Amino acid sequence: MTEVFEEQNRSRLFIFGGAAVALLLVGWTYMTLFSTQSIENKVLTSPEECASFGSVGLDECRELWRQGLVQHANTAPAYETAAACERNHGQGRCVVASRSTIADRQGKFIPGMVAIMPVNSSRGWTVTPLYRDPGDGPEQWRQVIS
């Protein structure tokens, strides 16, 4: 009778042990294949690219992009005319600073923001808006240092 009991316990141990191993393998595979990456300190060229990392939703990425546009409009080099801006930043690379919260900057021309670089701090996300100048390489970005 004890031999039958031991055999049943051994069978249960193998079944439960095998199930535990299988569950661990499935979990490891899921985490490896579908894990999210942080957007922190990444150069992001659109809200959609931001959301593709999976750590932040599209709505939050759109809000970060909006914050970048406002900050950029307030801090980017500003010019009275499109021609003056394009002389420094290239043909077709300038936009009107319509999102500026600083009254005397509204209507001026600034280089267009092409990317943001988010940083997570204790107070939440902050973004650094980035732009390019003529001659900049594909991995070269400029930011306004204030």
C-alpha atoms as a PDB file:
ATOM      1  CA  MET A   1       0.000   0.000   0.000  1.00  0.00           C
ATOM      2  CA  THR A   2       2.806   2.447   0.798  1.00  0.00           C
ATOM      3  CA  GLU A   3       4.449   1.625  -2.554  1.00  0.00           C
ATOM      4  CA  VAL A   4       1.293   2.682  -4.390  1.00  0.00           C
ATOM      5  CA  PHE A   5       1.099   5.847  -2.284  1.00  0.00           C
ATOM      6  CA  GLU A   6       4.764   6.700  -2.989  1.00  0.00           C
ATOM      7  CA  GLU A   7       4.268   6.068  -6.710  1.00  0.00           C
ATOM      8  CA  GLN A   8       1.247   8.414  -6.786  1.00  0.00           C
ATOM      9  CA  ASN A   9       3.200  11.120  -4.947  1.00  0.00           C
ATOM     10  CA  ARG A  10       6.123  10.727  -7.345  1.00  0.00           C
ATOM     11  CA  SER A  11       3.754  11.061 -10.333  1.00  0.00           C
ATOM     12  CA  ARG A  12       2.164  14.190  -8.840  1.00  0.00           C
ATOM     13  CA  LEU A  13       5.609  15.663  -8.173  1.00  0.00           C
ATOM     14  CA  PHE A  14       6.635  15.131 -11.811  1.00  0.00           C
ATOM     15  CA  ILE A  15       3.365  16.611 -13.099  1.00  0.00           C
ATOM     16  CA  PHE A  16       3.507  19.697 -10.864  1.00  0.00           C
ATOM     17  CA  GLY A  17       7.256  20.104 -11.371  1.00  0.00           C
ATOM     18  CA  GLY A  18       6.847  19.877 -15.148  1.00  0.00           C
ATOM     19  CA  ALA A  19       3.986  22.390 -15.055  1.00  0.00           C
ATOM     20  CA  ALA A  20       6.090  24.798 -12.989  1.00  0.00           C
ATOM     21  CA  VAL A  21       9.005  24.533 -15.427  1.00  0.00           C
ATOM     22  CA  ALA A  22       6.660  25.073 -18.388  1.00  0.00           C
ATOM     23  CA  LEU A  23       5.133  28.140 -16.706  1.00  0.00           C
ATOM     24  CA  LEU A  24       8.584  29.592 -16.039  1.00  0.00           C
ATOM     25  CA  LEU A  25       9.599  29.052 -19.676  1.00  0.00           C
ATOM     26  CA  VAL A  26       6.425  30.731 -20.962  1.00  0.00           C
ATOM     27  CA  GLY A  27       6.960  33.690 -18.608  1.00  0.00           C
ATOM     28  CA  TRP A  28      10.613  34.079 -19.587  1.00  0.00           C
ATOM     29  CA  THR A  29       9.737  33.913 -23.300  1.00  0.00           C
ATOM     30  CA  TYR A  30       6.989  36.534 -22.887  1.00  0.00           C
ATOM     31  CA  MET A  31       9.278  38.898 -20.973  1.00  0.00           C
ATOM     32  CA  THR A  32      12.057  38.448 -23.514  1.00  0.00           C
ATOM     33  CA  LEU A  33       9.929  38.918 -26.619  1.00  0.00           C
ATOM     34  CA  PHE A  34       7.363  41.437 -25.432  1.00  0.00           C
ATOM     35  CA  SER A  35       9.162  43.488 -22.826  1.00  0.00           C
ATOM     36  CA  THR A  36       8.917  47.243 -23.018  1.00  0.00           C
ATOM     37  CA  GLN A  37      11.803  49.659 -23.278  1.00  0.00           C
ATOM     38  CA  SER A  38      12.029  52.982 -21.530  1.00  0.00           C
ATOM     39  CA  ILE A  39      11.825  56.128 -23.646  1.00  0.00           C
ATOM     40  CA  GLU A  40      14.172  57.939 -21.268  1.00  0.00           C
ATOM     41  CA  ASN A  41      17.042  59.691 -23.068  1.00  0.00           C
ATOM     42  CA  LYS A  42      15.906  58.343 -26.457  1.00  0.00           C
ATOM     43  CA  VAL A  43      15.662  60.641 -29.473  1.00  0.00           C
ATOM     44  CA  LEU A  44      12.018  60.313 -30.535  1.00  0.00           C
ATOM     45  CA  THR A  45      10.892  61.758 -33.857  1.00  0.00           C
ATOM     46  CA  SER A  46       7.123  61.383 -33.341  1.00  0.00           C
ATOM     47  CA  PRO A  47       4.519  60.506 -30.714  1.00  0.00           C
ATOM     48  CA  GLU A  48       3.990  57.215 -32.544  1.00  0.00           C
ATOM     49  CA  GLU A  49       7.675  56.297 -32.246  1.00  0.00           C
ATOM     50  CA  CYS A  50       7.488  57.178 -28.545  1.00  0.00           C
ATOM     51  CA  ALA A  51       4.503  54.857 -28.027  1.00  0.00           C
ATOM     52  CA  SER A  52       6.181  52.048 -29.982  1.00  0.00           C
ATOM     53  CA  PHE A  53       8.584  51.483 -27.062  1.00  0.00           C
ATOM     54  CA  GLY A  54       5.592  50.279 -25.028  1.00  0.00           C
ATOM     55  CA  SER A  55       6.492  51.957 -21.737  1.00  0.00           C
ATOM     56  CA  VAL A  56       4.286  55.020 -22.356  1.00  0.00           C
ATOM     57  CA  GLY A  57       0.895  55.196 -24.065  1.00  0.00           C
ATOM     58  CA  LEU A  58       0.169  57.207 -27.208  1.00  0.00           C
ATOM     59  CA  ASP A  59      -1.840  59.868 -25.335  1.00  0.00           C
ATOM     60  CA  GLU A  60       1.037  60.510 -22.920  1.00  0.00           C
ATOM     61  CA  CYS A  61       3.483  60.584 -25.850  1.00  0.00           C
ATOM     62  CA  ARG A  62       1.312  63.176 -27.606  1.00  0.00           C
ATOM     63  CA  GLU A  63       1.343  65.267 -24.428  1.00  0.00           C
ATOM     64  CA  LEU A  64       5.149  65.013 -24.213  1.00  0.00           C
ATOM     65  CA  TRP A  65       5.376  66.078 -27.870  1.00  0.00           C
ATOM     66  CA  ARG A  66       3.052  69.039 -27.174  1.00  0.00           C
ATOM     67  CA  GLN A  67       5.222  70.069 -24.216  1.00  0.00           C
ATOM     68  CA  GLY A  68       8.276  69.876 -26.471  1.00  0.00           C
ATOM     69  CA  LEU A  69       6.630  72.121 -29.077  1.00  0.00           C
ATOM     70  CA  VAL A  70       5.749  74.762 -26.466  1.00  0.00           C
ATOM     71  CA  GLN A  71       9.204  74.650 -24.895  1.00  0.00           C
ATOM     72  CA  HIS A  72      10.833  74.800 -28.334  1.00  0.00           C
ATOM     73  CA  ALA A  73       8.711  77.796 -29.365  1.00  0.00           C
ATOM     74  CA  ASN A  74       9.830  79.578 -26.181  1.00  0.00           C
ATOM     75  CA  THR A  75      13.548  78.786 -26.383  1.00  0.00           C
ATOM     76  CA  ALA A  76      14.623  78.152 -29.991  1.00  0.00           C
ATOM     77  CA  PRO A  77      16.547  80.821 -31.905  1.00  0.00           C
ATOM     78  CA  ALA A  78      13.945  83.312 -33.199  1.00  0.00           C
ATOM     79  CA  TYR A  79      14.059  85.457 -36.342  1.00  0.00           C
ATOM     80  CA  GLU A  80      11.896  88.286 -37.653  1.00  0.00           C
ATOM     81  CA  THR A  81      11.625  86.796 -41.151  1.00  0.00           C
ATOM     82  CA  ALA A  82      11.520  83.346 -42.682  1.00  0.00           C
ATOM     83  CA  ALA A  83      14.450  84.296 -44.929  1.00  0.00           C
ATOM     84  CA  ALA A  84      16.663  85.153 -41.948  1.00  0.00           C
ATOM     85  CA  CYS A  85      15.762  81.867 -40.255  1.00  0.00           C
ATOM     86  CA  GLU A  86      16.375  79.839 -43.427  1.00  0.00           C
ATOM     87  CA  ARG A  87      19.774  81.481 -43.949  1.00  0.00           C
ATOM     88  CA  ASN A  88      20.869  79.954 -40.639  1.00  0.00           C
ATOM     89  CA  HIS A  89      18.903  76.711 -40.557  1.00  0.00           C
ATOM     90  CA  GLY A  90      18.194  75.772 -44.174  1.00  0.00           C
ATOM     91  CA  GLN A  91      15.463  76.095 -46.767  1.00  0.00           C
ATOM     92  CA  GLY A  92      12.110  74.776 -45.554  1.00  0.00           C
ATOM     93  CA  ARG A  93      13.339  74.115 -41.994  1.00  0.00           C
ATOM     94  CA  CYS A  94      11.676  77.083 -40.295  1.00  0.00           C
ATOM     95  CA  VAL A  95       8.208  77.479 -38.819  1.00  0.00           C
ATOM     96  CA  VAL A  96       6.224  80.251 -37.136  1.00  0.00           C
ATOM     97  CA  ALA A  97       6.490  80.150 -33.340  1.00  0.00           C
ATOM     98  CA  SER A  98       2.713  80.022 -32.885  1.00  0.00           C
ATOM     99  CA  ARG A  99       2.848  77.843 -29.735  1.00  0.00           C
ATOM    100  CA  SER A 100       5.045  80.227 -27.778  1.00  0.00           C
ATOM    101  CA  THR A 101       3.729  81.294 -24.398  1.00  0.00           C
ATOM    102  CA  ILE A 102       5.963  84.365 -24.566  1.00  0.00           C
ATOM    103  CA  ALA A 103       4.075  87.183 -26.297  1.00  0.00           C
ATOM    104  CA  ASP A 104       7.011  88.825 -28.097  1.00  0.00           C
ATOM    105  CA  ARG A 105       8.059  85.490 -29.664  1.00  0.00           C
ATOM    106  CA  GLN A 106       4.681  84.746 -31.255  1.00  0.00           C
ATOM    107  CA  GLY A 107       4.795  85.205 -35.011  1.00  0.00           C
ATOM    108  CA  LYS A 108       8.590  84.962 -35.167  1.00  0.00           C
ATOM    109  CA  PHE A 109      10.335  82.258 -37.188  1.00  0.00           C
ATOM    110  CA  ILE A 110      12.201  79.401 -35.513  1.00  0.00           C
ATOM    111  CA  PRO A 111      13.857  76.196 -36.762  1.00  0.00           C
ATOM    112  CA  GLY A 112      11.278  73.416 -36.732  1.00  0.00           C
ATOM    113  CA  MET A 113      11.419  70.902 -33.905  1.00  0.00           C
ATOM    114  CA  VAL A 114      12.202  67.460 -35.326  1.00  0.00           C
ATOM    115  CA  ALA A 115      12.478  65.334 -32.176  1.00  0.00           C
ATOM    116  CA  ILE A 116      12.267  65.254 -28.391  1.00  0.00           C
ATOM    117  CA  MET A 117      14.411  63.599 -25.743  1.00  0.00           C
ATOM    118  CA  PRO A 118      12.380  62.760 -22.599  1.00  0.00           C
ATOM    119  CA  VAL A 119      13.875  62.448 -19.124  1.00  0.00           C
ATOM    120  CA  ASN A 120      11.970  61.030 -16.166  1.00  0.00           C
ATOM    121  CA  SER A 121      12.505  62.808 -12.861  1.00  0.00           C
ATOM    122  CA  SER A 122      10.854  62.772  -9.459  1.00  0.00           C
ATOM    123  CA  ARG A 123       8.401  65.377 -10.791  1.00  0.00           C
ATOM    124  CA  GLY A 124       7.484  63.363 -13.896  1.00  0.00           C
ATOM    125  CA  TRP A 125       8.590  63.627 -17.509  1.00  0.00           C
ATOM    126  CA  THR A 126      10.477  66.614 -18.873  1.00  0.00           C
ATOM    127  CA  VAL A 127      11.405  66.924 -22.526  1.00  0.00           C
ATOM    128  CA  THR A 128      14.238  68.495 -24.434  1.00  0.00           C
ATOM    129  CA  PRO A 129      13.145  69.645 -27.897  1.00  0.00           C
ATOM    130  CA  LEU A 130      15.651  68.979 -30.684  1.00  0.00           C
ATOM    131  CA  TYR A 131      16.207  70.526 -34.121  1.00  0.00           C
ATOM    132  CA  ARG A 132      18.712  70.214 -36.969  1.00  0.00           C
ATOM    133  CA  ASP A 133      20.867  72.592 -38.941  1.00  0.00           C
ATOM    134  CA  PRO A 134      22.114  72.178 -42.525  1.00  0.00           C
ATOM    135  CA  GLY A 135      25.077  69.839 -42.629  1.00  0.00           C
ATOM    136  CA  ASP A 136      24.039  67.934 -39.512  1.00  0.00           C
ATOM    137  CA  GLY A 137      24.524  64.195 -39.868  1.00  0.00           C
ATOM    138  CA  PRO A 138      21.723  61.659 -39.449  1.00  0.00           C
ATOM    139  CA  GLU A 139      22.563  61.132 -35.774  1.00  0.00           C
ATOM    140  CA  GLN A 140      23.309  64.779 -34.981  1.00  0.00           C
ATOM    141  CA  TRP A 141      20.730  66.786 -33.046  1.00  0.00           C
ATOM    142  CA  ARG A 142      20.758  70.290 -31.625  1.00  0.00           C
ATOM    143  CA  GLN A 143      19.132  71.598 -28.505  1.00  0.00           C
ATOM    144  CA  VAL A 144      18.818  75.066 -27.077  1.00  0.00           C
ATOM    145  CA  ILE A 145      21.037  75.503 -24.032  1.00  0.00           C
ATOM    146  CA  SER A 146      19.580  78.123 -21.753  1.00  0.00           C
END
